[in-house]
């Protein structure tokens, strides 16, 4: 996949009434037909043209036009970069990992992604483009040229998680970022989200007994003691998606607003906001055909193509 170019298709595939453009990718019918036979140079040239065309006609989803290998270097290079921010979530349930939180961050790369571990949490990013059909959607800053965020998305059917709606014991967290945490028992909090499982990892006997007693019940019930008990115990939180995870542990201090764009490495649940049922932020450029499953705020200059 190192020389591959990303397809601009986002699964909408509807032409404008006059047949000029696809409303999803902004290509013409001829460009869509020719795509599979183009070499990488031809695809690259068209992706550059599409970025300009979308701005001109006000139509099309901003799929990034970087070669897969270049995009991966940007993503993996941001795992331990101060000023970057990684996020998973929906309005009312969010997980963030900030490499620049003032603690030492250790990154480890492997064939299809990488891990980063800091003092208050960490992240794992899985970049198996072929199997997951990852789409990188970019949001431009005020200058109209530099990306302020990159949403890594998958088609809705490929992004689905458990969608449990009650507290459920899963078992040992054998995929935990830190080896010592793999003896902790993972509980799905049952938030019912399509593409994210928000979990707690527990190894304290008293808290474990409470979690097991509450298993099978909704933690979002106002009478449930679970969320308050997890907060009091500073239990580890884990957000899982098909493209990786974010973990948090401890209680990091909030950074000064002027020091970082990140609110800290933490996982937060706000039941009253979650009750609105939004699966992405208002104004998101990600179409309904895709789920945004993990987001990078690069904190560095990255172009659209």
C-alpha atoms as a PDB file:
ATOM      1  CA  UNK A   1       0.000   0.000   0.000  1.00  0.00           C
ATOM      2  CA  UNK A   2       3.042   2.314   0.217  1.00  0.00           C
ATOM      3  CA  UNK A   3       2.546   3.749  -3.284  1.00  0.00           C
ATOM      4  CA  UNK A   4      -1.241   3.755  -3.203  1.00  0.00           C
ATOM      5  CA  UNK A   5      -3.376   6.828  -3.681  1.00  0.00           C
ATOM      6  CA  UNK A   6      -6.651   7.202  -1.775  1.00  0.00           C
ATOM      7  CA  UNK A   7      -9.896   7.020  -3.700  1.00  0.00           C
ATOM      8  CA  UNK A   8     -11.980  10.214  -3.406  1.00  0.00           C
ATOM      9  CA  UNK A   9     -15.210   8.161  -3.336  1.00  0.00           C
ATOM     10  CA  UNK A  10     -17.154   8.407  -0.057  1.00  0.00           C
ATOM     11  CA  UNK A  11     -20.071   6.179  -1.007  1.00  0.00           C
ATOM     12  CA  UNK A  12     -22.586   8.910  -1.902  1.00  0.00           C
ATOM     13  CA  UNK A  13     -22.363   8.431  -5.694  1.00  0.00           C
ATOM     14  CA  UNK A  14     -25.092  10.841  -6.800  1.00  0.00           C
ATOM     15  CA  UNK A  15     -24.675  13.182  -9.740  1.00  0.00           C
ATOM     16  CA  UNK A  16     -25.926  16.749  -9.792  1.00  0.00           C
ATOM     17  CA  UNK A  17     -29.194  17.276 -11.744  1.00  0.00           C
ATOM     18  CA  UNK A  18     -27.243  18.481 -14.779  1.00  0.00           C
ATOM     19  CA  UNK A  19     -24.892  15.469 -14.576  1.00  0.00           C
ATOM     20  CA  UNK A  20     -21.809  17.651 -14.190  1.00  0.00           C
ATOM     21  CA  UNK A  21     -20.404  16.422 -10.869  1.00  0.00           C
ATOM     22  CA  UNK A  22     -20.789  13.704  -8.264  1.00  0.00           C
ATOM     23  CA  UNK A  23     -22.092  15.395  -5.120  1.00  0.00           C
ATOM     24  CA  UNK A  24     -19.884  13.172  -2.947  1.00  0.00           C
ATOM     25  CA  UNK A  25     -16.470  13.294  -4.610  1.00  0.00           C
ATOM     26  CA  UNK A  26     -16.884  16.206  -7.100  1.00  0.00           C
ATOM     27  CA  UNK A  27     -15.635  14.091 -10.017  1.00  0.00           C
ATOM     28  CA  UNK A  28     -17.184  13.983 -13.456  1.00  0.00           C
ATOM     29  CA  UNK A  29     -18.685  10.724 -14.747  1.00  0.00           C
ATOM     30  CA  UNK A  30     -15.688  10.284 -17.072  1.00  0.00           C
ATOM     31  CA  UNK A  31     -13.233  10.779 -14.181  1.00  0.00           C
ATOM     32  CA  UNK A  32     -15.072   8.205 -12.093  1.00  0.00           C
ATOM     33  CA  UNK A  33     -14.965   5.676 -14.936  1.00  0.00           C
ATOM     34  CA  UNK A  34     -11.270   6.319 -15.636  1.00  0.00           C
ATOM     35  CA  UNK A  35     -10.104   6.211 -11.997  1.00  0.00           C
ATOM     36  CA  UNK A  36      -9.377   2.480 -11.773  1.00  0.00           C
ATOM     37  CA  UNK A  37      -7.176   2.566 -14.895  1.00  0.00           C
ATOM     38  CA  UNK A  38      -5.189   5.675 -13.903  1.00  0.00           C
ATOM     39  CA  UNK A  39      -1.610   5.348 -12.704  1.00  0.00           C
ATOM     40  CA  UNK A  40      -0.595   6.978  -9.413  1.00  0.00           C
ATOM     41  CA  UNK A  41       0.633  10.151 -11.131  1.00  0.00           C
ATOM     42  CA  UNK A  42      -2.734  10.554 -12.853  1.00  0.00           C
ATOM     43  CA  UNK A  43      -4.624   9.948  -9.612  1.00  0.00           C
ATOM     44  CA  UNK A  44      -2.398  12.426  -7.788  1.00  0.00           C
ATOM     45  CA  UNK A  45      -3.045  15.102 -10.418  1.00  0.00           C
ATOM     46  CA  UNK A  46      -6.795  14.540 -10.225  1.00  0.00           C
ATOM     47  CA  UNK A  47      -6.796  14.719  -6.414  1.00  0.00           C
ATOM     48  CA  UNK A  48      -5.029  18.086  -6.603  1.00  0.00           C
ATOM     49  CA  UNK A  49      -7.620  19.260  -9.143  1.00  0.00           C
ATOM     50  CA  UNK A  50     -10.467  18.002  -6.917  1.00  0.00           C
ATOM     51  CA  UNK A  51      -9.242  20.065  -3.958  1.00  0.00           C
ATOM     52  CA  UNK A  52      -9.395  23.198  -6.130  1.00  0.00           C
ATOM     53  CA  UNK A  53     -12.709  22.153  -7.703  1.00  0.00           C
ATOM     54  CA  UNK A  54     -14.455  21.566  -4.366  1.00  0.00           C
ATOM     55  CA  UNK A  55     -13.504  25.064  -3.266  1.00  0.00           C
ATOM     56  CA  UNK A  56     -14.727  26.497  -6.561  1.00  0.00           C
ATOM     57  CA  UNK A  57     -18.105  24.725  -6.849  1.00  0.00           C
ATOM     58  CA  UNK A  58     -18.829  24.382  -3.111  1.00  0.00           C
ATOM     59  CA  UNK A  59     -19.478  20.662  -3.378  1.00  0.00           C
ATOM     60  CA  UNK A  60     -17.772  17.391  -2.427  1.00  0.00           C
ATOM     61  CA  UNK A  61     -16.294  15.795   0.682  1.00  0.00           C
ATOM     62  CA  UNK A  62     -12.676  16.863   1.394  1.00  0.00           C
ATOM     63  CA  UNK A  63     -10.923  13.474   1.212  1.00  0.00           C
ATOM     64  CA  UNK A  64      -7.205  14.112   1.613  1.00  0.00           C
ATOM     65  CA  UNK A  65      -5.137  13.574  -1.517  1.00  0.00           C
ATOM     66  CA  UNK A  66      -1.875  12.506   0.135  1.00  0.00           C
ATOM     67  CA  UNK A  67      -0.358   9.174  -0.924  1.00  0.00           C
ATOM     68  CA  UNK A  68      -1.100   6.585   1.749  1.00  0.00           C
ATOM     69  CA  UNK A  69       2.558   6.390   2.814  1.00  0.00           C
ATOM     70  CA  UNK A  70       2.793  10.184   3.207  1.00  0.00           C
ATOM     71  CA  UNK A  71      -0.415  10.345   5.233  1.00  0.00           C
ATOM     72  CA  UNK A  72       0.805   7.540   7.480  1.00  0.00           C
ATOM     73  CA  UNK A  73       4.051   9.402   8.154  1.00  0.00           C
ATOM     74  CA  UNK A  74       2.068  12.478   9.220  1.00  0.00           C
ATOM     75  CA  UNK A  75      -0.200  10.418  11.479  1.00  0.00           C
ATOM     76  CA  UNK A  76       2.461   8.248  13.094  1.00  0.00           C
ATOM     77  CA  UNK A  77       4.817  11.200  13.434  1.00  0.00           C
ATOM     78  CA  UNK A  78       2.138  12.918  15.528  1.00  0.00           C
ATOM     79  CA  UNK A  79       1.864  10.139  18.109  1.00  0.00           C
ATOM     80  CA  UNK A  80       4.441  11.791  20.374  1.00  0.00           C
ATOM     81  CA  UNK A  81       4.499  15.320  18.950  1.00  0.00           C
ATOM     82  CA  UNK A  82       3.925  18.089  21.482  1.00  0.00           C
ATOM     83  CA  UNK A  83       1.081  20.298  20.283  1.00  0.00           C
ATOM     84  CA  UNK A  84      -0.824  17.439  18.651  1.00  0.00           C
ATOM     85  CA  UNK A  85      -4.119  16.102  19.997  1.00  0.00           C
ATOM     86  CA  UNK A  86      -5.805  12.756  19.403  1.00  0.00           C
ATOM     87  CA  UNK A  87      -9.529  12.371  20.001  1.00  0.00           C
ATOM     88  CA  UNK A  88     -12.267   9.736  19.918  1.00  0.00           C
ATOM     89  CA  UNK A  89     -15.873  10.494  20.692  1.00  0.00           C
ATOM     90  CA  UNK A  90     -19.250  12.032  20.083  1.00  0.00           C
ATOM     91  CA  UNK A  91     -20.899  15.007  21.793  1.00  0.00           C
ATOM     92  CA  UNK A  92     -21.269  13.919  25.411  1.00  0.00           C
ATOM     93  CA  UNK A  93     -18.653  11.155  25.404  1.00  0.00           C
ATOM     94  CA  UNK A  94     -15.099  12.128  24.513  1.00  0.00           C
ATOM     95  CA  UNK A  95     -11.592  10.750  24.870  1.00  0.00           C
ATOM     96  CA  UNK A  96      -8.470  12.839  24.261  1.00  0.00           C
ATOM     97  CA  UNK A  97      -4.758  12.105  24.344  1.00  0.00           C
ATOM     98  CA  UNK A  98      -2.283  14.970  24.329  1.00  0.00           C
ATOM     99  CA  UNK A  99       1.397  14.112  23.802  1.00  0.00           C
ATOM    100  CA  UNK A 100       2.306  17.593  25.048  1.00  0.00           C
ATOM    101  CA  UNK A 101       0.752  17.198  28.519  1.00  0.00           C
ATOM    102  CA  UNK A 102       4.104  17.738  30.242  1.00  0.00           C
ATOM    103  CA  UNK A 103       4.939  14.065  30.768  1.00  0.00           C
ATOM    104  CA  UNK A 104       7.383  11.831  28.930  1.00  0.00           C
ATOM    105  CA  UNK A 105       5.709  10.167  25.933  1.00  0.00           C
ATOM    106  CA  UNK A 106       7.057   6.938  24.460  1.00  0.00           C
ATOM    107  CA  UNK A 107       6.006   5.941  20.939  1.00  0.00           C
ATOM    108  CA  UNK A 108       6.285   2.520  19.302  1.00  0.00           C
ATOM    109  CA  UNK A 109       5.629   1.890  15.611  1.00  0.00           C
ATOM    110  CA  UNK A 110       4.658  -1.353  13.922  1.00  0.00           C
ATOM    111  CA  UNK A 111       3.552  -2.498  10.465  1.00  0.00           C
ATOM    112  CA  UNK A 112      -0.013  -1.177  10.510  1.00  0.00           C
ATOM    113  CA  UNK A 113       0.169   1.663  13.012  1.00  0.00           C
ATOM    114  CA  UNK A 114       1.652   2.644  16.342  1.00  0.00           C
ATOM    115  CA  UNK A 115       1.226   3.281  20.069  1.00  0.00           C
ATOM    116  CA  UNK A 116       2.076   6.227  22.280  1.00  0.00           C
ATOM    117  CA  UNK A 117       2.079   6.180  26.088  1.00  0.00           C
ATOM    118  CA  UNK A 118       2.317   9.220  28.356  1.00  0.00           C
ATOM    119  CA  UNK A 119       1.971   9.897  32.044  1.00  0.00           C
ATOM    120  CA  UNK A 120      -1.831  10.083  32.059  1.00  0.00           C
ATOM    121  CA  UNK A 121      -2.802   7.885  29.141  1.00  0.00           C
ATOM    122  CA  UNK A 122      -2.020   6.885  25.605  1.00  0.00           C
ATOM    123  CA  UNK A 123      -3.326   5.977  22.185  1.00  0.00           C
ATOM    124  CA  UNK A 124      -3.092   3.244  19.592  1.00  0.00           C
ATOM    125  CA  UNK A 125      -3.747   3.957  15.923  1.00  0.00           C
ATOM    126  CA  UNK A 126      -4.373   1.108  13.455  1.00  0.00           C
ATOM    127  CA  UNK A 127      -3.712   2.056   9.824  1.00  0.00           C
ATOM    128  CA  UNK A 128      -4.715  -1.052   7.895  1.00  0.00           C
ATOM    129  CA  UNK A 129      -5.935   0.875   4.857  1.00  0.00           C
ATOM    130  CA  UNK A 130      -6.724  -2.129   2.678  1.00  0.00           C
ATOM    131  CA  UNK A 131      -8.853  -4.012   5.208  1.00  0.00           C
ATOM    132  CA  UNK A 132     -10.551  -0.973   6.766  1.00  0.00           C
ATOM    133  CA  UNK A 133     -10.894   1.242   3.654  1.00  0.00           C
ATOM    134  CA  UNK A 134      -9.847   4.254   5.706  1.00  0.00           C
ATOM    135  CA  UNK A 135     -10.914   7.681   4.476  1.00  0.00           C
ATOM    136  CA  UNK A 136      -9.038  10.703   5.788  1.00  0.00           C
ATOM    137  CA  UNK A 137     -11.270  13.796   5.791  1.00  0.00           C
ATOM    138  CA  UNK A 138      -9.559  17.139   6.238  1.00  0.00           C
ATOM    139  CA  UNK A 139     -10.746  20.401   7.772  1.00  0.00           C
ATOM    140  CA  UNK A 140      -8.939  23.554   6.653  1.00  0.00           C
ATOM    141  CA  UNK A 141      -7.998  26.440   8.898  1.00  0.00           C
ATOM    142  CA  UNK A 142      -8.672  30.131   8.274  1.00  0.00           C
ATOM    143  CA  UNK A 143      -5.865  30.362   5.699  1.00  0.00           C
ATOM    144  CA  UNK A 144      -7.741  27.924   3.441  1.00  0.00           C
ATOM    145  CA  UNK A 145      -4.592  25.845   2.917  1.00  0.00           C
ATOM    146  CA  UNK A 146      -3.511  24.277   6.224  1.00  0.00           C
ATOM    147  CA  UNK A 147      -5.327  21.395   7.900  1.00  0.00           C
ATOM    148  CA  UNK A 148      -6.486  21.917  11.470  1.00  0.00           C
ATOM    149  CA  UNK A 149      -7.916  18.407  11.875  1.00  0.00           C
ATOM    150  CA  UNK A 150      -7.850  15.032  10.152  1.00  0.00           C
ATOM    151  CA  UNK A 151     -10.786  12.689  10.738  1.00  0.00           C
ATOM    152  CA  UNK A 152      -9.931   9.049  10.099  1.00  0.00           C
ATOM    153  CA  UNK A 153     -13.188   7.487   8.947  1.00  0.00           C
ATOM    154  CA  UNK A 154     -14.495   4.116   7.840  1.00  0.00           C
ATOM    155  CA  UNK A 155     -17.699   3.142   6.094  1.00  0.00           C
ATOM    156  CA  UNK A 156     -20.561   2.762   8.569  1.00  0.00           C
ATOM    157  CA  UNK A 157     -20.740  -1.024   8.191  1.00  0.00           C
ATOM    158  CA  UNK A 158     -16.999  -1.430   8.861  1.00  0.00           C
ATOM    159  CA  UNK A 159     -16.959   0.865  11.888  1.00  0.00           C
ATOM    160  CA  UNK A 160     -19.666  -0.851  13.955  1.00  0.00           C
ATOM    161  CA  UNK A 161     -18.793  -1.825  17.514  1.00  0.00           C
ATOM    162  CA  UNK A 162     -20.823  -3.755  20.134  1.00  0.00           C
ATOM    163  CA  UNK A 163     -23.592  -1.121  20.604  1.00  0.00           C
ATOM    164  CA  UNK A 164     -24.317  -2.511  24.087  1.00  0.00           C
ATOM    165  CA  UNK A 165     -26.743  -0.502  26.222  1.00  0.00           C
ATOM    166  CA  UNK A 166     -26.022  -2.009  29.641  1.00  0.00           C
ATOM    167  CA  UNK A 167     -22.887  -2.473  31.733  1.00  0.00           C
ATOM    168  CA  UNK A 168     -21.161  -5.632  30.500  1.00  0.00           C
ATOM    169  CA  UNK A 169     -18.067  -7.456  31.728  1.00  0.00           C
ATOM    170  CA  UNK A 170     -15.793  -8.246  28.770  1.00  0.00           C
ATOM    171  CA  UNK A 171     -12.796  -9.872  30.468  1.00  0.00           C
ATOM    172  CA  UNK A 172      -9.114  -9.080  30.846  1.00  0.00           C
ATOM    173  CA  UNK A 173      -7.903  -6.173  28.719  1.00  0.00           C
ATOM    174  CA  UNK A 174      -5.288  -8.198  26.854  1.00  0.00           C
ATOM    175  CA  UNK A 175      -4.738  -5.367  24.362  1.00  0.00           C
ATOM    176  CA  UNK A 176      -3.970  -2.686  26.991  1.00  0.00           C
ATOM    177  CA  UNK A 177      -1.206  -0.264  26.011  1.00  0.00           C
ATOM    178  CA  UNK A 178       0.832  -1.031  29.134  1.00  0.00           C
ATOM    179  CA  UNK A 179       1.621  -4.673  29.874  1.00  0.00           C
ATOM    180  CA  UNK A 180       0.904  -4.219  33.569  1.00  0.00           C
ATOM    181  CA  UNK A 181      -2.646  -3.070  32.817  1.00  0.00           C
ATOM    182  CA  UNK A 182      -3.549  -6.305  31.015  1.00  0.00           C
ATOM    183  CA  UNK A 183      -4.547  -7.929  34.295  1.00  0.00           C
ATOM    184  CA  UNK A 184      -7.352  -5.355  34.660  1.00  0.00           C
ATOM    185  CA  UNK A 185     -10.920  -6.411  33.903  1.00  0.00           C
ATOM    186  CA  UNK A 186     -12.600  -4.476  31.102  1.00  0.00           C
ATOM    187  CA  UNK A 187     -16.254  -3.421  31.385  1.00  0.00           C
ATOM    188  CA  UNK A 188     -18.204  -1.941  28.485  1.00  0.00           C
ATOM    189  CA  UNK A 189     -20.201   0.950  29.953  1.00  0.00           C
ATOM    190  CA  UNK A 190     -23.019   0.294  27.490  1.00  0.00           C
ATOM    191  CA  UNK A 191     -23.462   3.773  26.026  1.00  0.00           C
ATOM    192  CA  UNK A 192     -25.043   2.308  22.887  1.00  0.00           C
ATOM    193  CA  UNK A 193     -22.819   4.152  20.412  1.00  0.00           C
ATOM    194  CA  UNK A 194     -22.529   2.705  16.931  1.00  0.00           C
ATOM    195  CA  UNK A 195     -18.796   3.086  16.371  1.00  0.00           C
ATOM    196  CA  UNK A 196     -17.214   3.505  19.840  1.00  0.00           C
ATOM    197  CA  UNK A 197     -17.208   1.340  22.956  1.00  0.00           C
ATOM    198  CA  UNK A 198     -16.505   3.386  26.080  1.00  0.00           C
ATOM    199  CA  UNK A 199     -15.126   1.091  28.781  1.00  0.00           C
ATOM    200  CA  UNK A 200     -13.645   1.059  32.275  1.00  0.00           C
ATOM    201  CA  UNK A 201     -10.695  -1.105  33.320  1.00  0.00           C
ATOM    202  CA  UNK A 202     -10.836  -2.280  36.919  1.00  0.00           C
ATOM    203  CA  UNK A 203      -8.400  -4.149  39.174  1.00  0.00           C
ATOM    204  CA  UNK A 204      -9.552  -2.892  42.584  1.00  0.00           C
ATOM    205  CA  UNK A 205     -11.493  -5.660  44.354  1.00  0.00           C
ATOM    206  CA  UNK A 206     -14.138  -3.402  45.913  1.00  0.00           C
ATOM    207  CA  UNK A 207     -14.810  -1.564  42.654  1.00  0.00           C
ATOM    208  CA  UNK A 208     -14.795  -4.857  40.782  1.00  0.00           C
ATOM    209  CA  UNK A 209     -17.497  -6.197  43.108  1.00  0.00           C
ATOM    210  CA  UNK A 210     -19.635  -3.093  42.522  1.00  0.00           C
ATOM    211  CA  UNK A 211     -19.232  -3.332  38.746  1.00  0.00           C
ATOM    212  CA  UNK A 212     -20.244  -6.974  38.737  1.00  0.00           C
ATOM    213  CA  UNK A 213     -23.247  -6.240  40.921  1.00  0.00           C
ATOM    214  CA  UNK A 214     -24.366  -3.540  38.469  1.00  0.00           C
ATOM    215  CA  UNK A 215     -23.703  -5.591  35.319  1.00  0.00           C
ATOM    216  CA  UNK A 216     -26.730  -5.803  33.063  1.00  0.00           C
ATOM    217  CA  UNK A 217     -28.008  -2.389  34.154  1.00  0.00           C
ATOM    218  CA  UNK A 218     -27.731   0.951  32.291  1.00  0.00           C
ATOM    219  CA  UNK A 219     -25.043   3.196  33.763  1.00  0.00           C
ATOM    220  CA  UNK A 220     -26.825   6.265  32.350  1.00  0.00           C
ATOM    221  CA  UNK A 221     -29.756   5.651  34.707  1.00  0.00           C
ATOM    222  CA  UNK A 222     -29.615   8.519  37.244  1.00  0.00           C
ATOM    223  CA  UNK A 223     -29.852   5.941  40.031  1.00  0.00           C
ATOM    224  CA  UNK A 224     -26.750   4.053  38.852  1.00  0.00           C
ATOM    225  CA  UNK A 225     -23.708   4.439  41.154  1.00  0.00           C
ATOM    226  CA  UNK A 226     -21.241   3.336  38.474  1.00  0.00           C
ATOM    227  CA  UNK A 227     -20.044   6.597  36.909  1.00  0.00           C
ATOM    228  CA  UNK A 228     -19.599   8.278  40.302  1.00  0.00           C
ATOM    229  CA  UNK A 229     -17.706   5.257  41.640  1.00  0.00           C
ATOM    230  CA  UNK A 230     -15.382   5.200  38.630  1.00  0.00           C
ATOM    231  CA  UNK A 231     -14.663   8.900  39.048  1.00  0.00           C
ATOM    232  CA  UNK A 232     -13.972   8.578  42.763  1.00  0.00           C
ATOM    233  CA  UNK A 233     -11.638   5.625  42.223  1.00  0.00           C
ATOM    234  CA  UNK A 234      -9.929   7.309  39.246  1.00  0.00           C
ATOM    235  CA  UNK A 235     -10.443   4.060  37.377  1.00  0.00           C
ATOM    236  CA  UNK A 236      -8.801   3.612  34.011  1.00  0.00           C
ATOM    237  CA  UNK A 237     -11.029   4.524  31.056  1.00  0.00           C
ATOM    238  CA  UNK A 238     -10.708   3.081  27.569  1.00  0.00           C
ATOM    239  CA  UNK A 239     -12.348   4.206  24.309  1.00  0.00           C
ATOM    240  CA  UNK A 240     -12.277   1.499  21.624  1.00  0.00           C
ATOM    241  CA  UNK A 241     -12.840   1.812  17.866  1.00  0.00           C
ATOM    242  CA  UNK A 242     -12.002  -0.191  14.754  1.00  0.00           C
ATOM    243  CA  UNK A 243      -8.997   2.082  14.175  1.00  0.00           C
ATOM    244  CA  UNK A 244      -7.533   2.010  17.655  1.00  0.00           C
ATOM    245  CA  UNK A 245      -8.054   3.189  21.214  1.00  0.00           C
ATOM    246  CA  UNK A 246      -7.408   5.965  23.703  1.00  0.00           C
ATOM    247  CA  UNK A 247      -6.757   5.161  27.364  1.00  0.00           C
ATOM    248  CA  UNK A 248      -6.643   7.474  30.353  1.00  0.00           C
ATOM    249  CA  UNK A 249      -5.553   6.911  33.921  1.00  0.00           C
ATOM    250  CA  UNK A 250      -5.099   9.160  36.911  1.00  0.00           C
ATOM    251  CA  UNK A 251      -6.322  12.730  37.042  1.00  0.00           C
ATOM    252  CA  UNK A 252      -4.117  15.082  34.994  1.00  0.00           C
ATOM    253  CA  UNK A 253      -4.154  18.801  35.704  1.00  0.00           C
ATOM    254  CA  UNK A 254      -5.915  21.026  33.200  1.00  0.00           C
ATOM    255  CA  UNK A 255      -3.347  22.969  31.153  1.00  0.00           C
ATOM    256  CA  UNK A 256      -3.551  26.761  30.873  1.00  0.00           C
ATOM    257  CA  UNK A 257      -5.777  27.653  27.895  1.00  0.00           C
ATOM    258  CA  UNK A 258      -2.974  29.532  26.190  1.00  0.00           C
ATOM    259  CA  UNK A 259      -0.531  26.628  26.573  1.00  0.00           C
ATOM    260  CA  UNK A 260      -2.262  23.906  24.570  1.00  0.00           C
ATOM    261  CA  UNK A 261      -5.215  23.295  22.267  1.00  0.00           C
ATOM    262  CA  UNK A 262      -5.897  20.131  24.257  1.00  0.00           C
ATOM    263  CA  UNK A 263      -8.060  19.920  27.366  1.00  0.00           C
ATOM    264  CA  UNK A 264      -5.803  17.197  28.758  1.00  0.00           C
ATOM    265  CA  UNK A 265      -5.475  13.450  28.440  1.00  0.00           C
ATOM    266  CA  UNK A 266      -8.829  12.282  29.767  1.00  0.00           C
ATOM    267  CA  UNK A 267     -12.101  10.502  29.010  1.00  0.00           C
ATOM    268  CA  UNK A 268     -15.304  12.338  29.927  1.00  0.00           C
ATOM    269  CA  UNK A 269     -18.960  11.339  29.821  1.00  0.00           C
ATOM    270  CA  UNK A 270     -21.770  13.908  30.034  1.00  0.00           C
ATOM    271  CA  UNK A 271     -25.088  12.027  30.108  1.00  0.00           C
ATOM    272  CA  UNK A 272     -27.232  15.100  29.449  1.00  0.00           C
ATOM    273  CA  UNK A 273     -25.297  15.892  26.260  1.00  0.00           C
ATOM    274  CA  UNK A 274     -25.073  12.254  25.221  1.00  0.00           C
ATOM    275  CA  UNK A 275     -28.874  12.042  25.445  1.00  0.00           C
ATOM    276  CA  UNK A 276     -29.102  14.296  22.354  1.00  0.00           C
ATOM    277  CA  UNK A 277     -28.071  11.250  20.291  1.00  0.00           C
ATOM    278  CA  UNK A 278     -25.535  12.992  18.031  1.00  0.00           C
ATOM    279  CA  UNK A 279     -22.984  10.701  16.376  1.00  0.00           C
ATOM    280  CA  UNK A 280     -20.634  13.530  15.342  1.00  0.00           C
ATOM    281  CA  UNK A 281     -20.060  17.196  16.032  1.00  0.00           C
ATOM    282  CA  UNK A 282     -22.434  19.692  14.394  1.00  0.00           C
ATOM    283  CA  UNK A 283     -20.919  20.995  11.176  1.00  0.00           C
ATOM    284  CA  UNK A 284     -18.689  17.936  10.667  1.00  0.00           C
ATOM    285  CA  UNK A 285     -17.568  17.519   7.026  1.00  0.00           C
ATOM    286  CA  UNK A 286     -17.874  13.728   7.400  1.00  0.00           C
ATOM    287  CA  UNK A 287     -20.898  12.433   5.416  1.00  0.00           C
ATOM    288  CA  UNK A 288     -23.471  10.020   6.835  1.00  0.00           C
ATOM    289  CA  UNK A 289     -21.953   7.170   4.809  1.00  0.00           C
ATOM    290  CA  UNK A 290     -18.837   7.298   7.006  1.00  0.00           C
ATOM    291  CA  UNK A 291     -18.130   7.147  10.736  1.00  0.00           C
ATOM    292  CA  UNK A 292     -15.358   9.406  12.105  1.00  0.00           C
ATOM    293  CA  UNK A 293     -13.615   6.997  14.487  1.00  0.00           C
ATOM    294  CA  UNK A 294     -10.402   8.761  15.502  1.00  0.00           C
ATOM    295  CA  UNK A 295      -9.301  12.350  14.935  1.00  0.00           C
ATOM    296  CA  UNK A 296      -5.921  14.057  14.851  1.00  0.00           C
ATOM    297  CA  UNK A 297      -5.451  17.772  15.445  1.00  0.00           C
ATOM    298  CA  UNK A 298      -1.913  17.938  14.006  1.00  0.00           C
ATOM    299  CA  UNK A 299      -0.551  21.024  15.724  1.00  0.00           C
ATOM    300  CA  UNK A 300       1.782  21.474  12.733  1.00  0.00           C
ATOM    301  CA  UNK A 301       1.528  22.688   9.157  1.00  0.00           C
ATOM    302  CA  UNK A 302      -0.097  20.041   6.963  1.00  0.00           C
ATOM    303  CA  UNK A 303      -1.429  20.828   3.472  1.00  0.00           C
ATOM    304  CA  UNK A 304      -4.666  19.533   1.947  1.00  0.00           C
ATOM    305  CA  UNK A 305      -2.919  17.475  -0.770  1.00  0.00           C
END
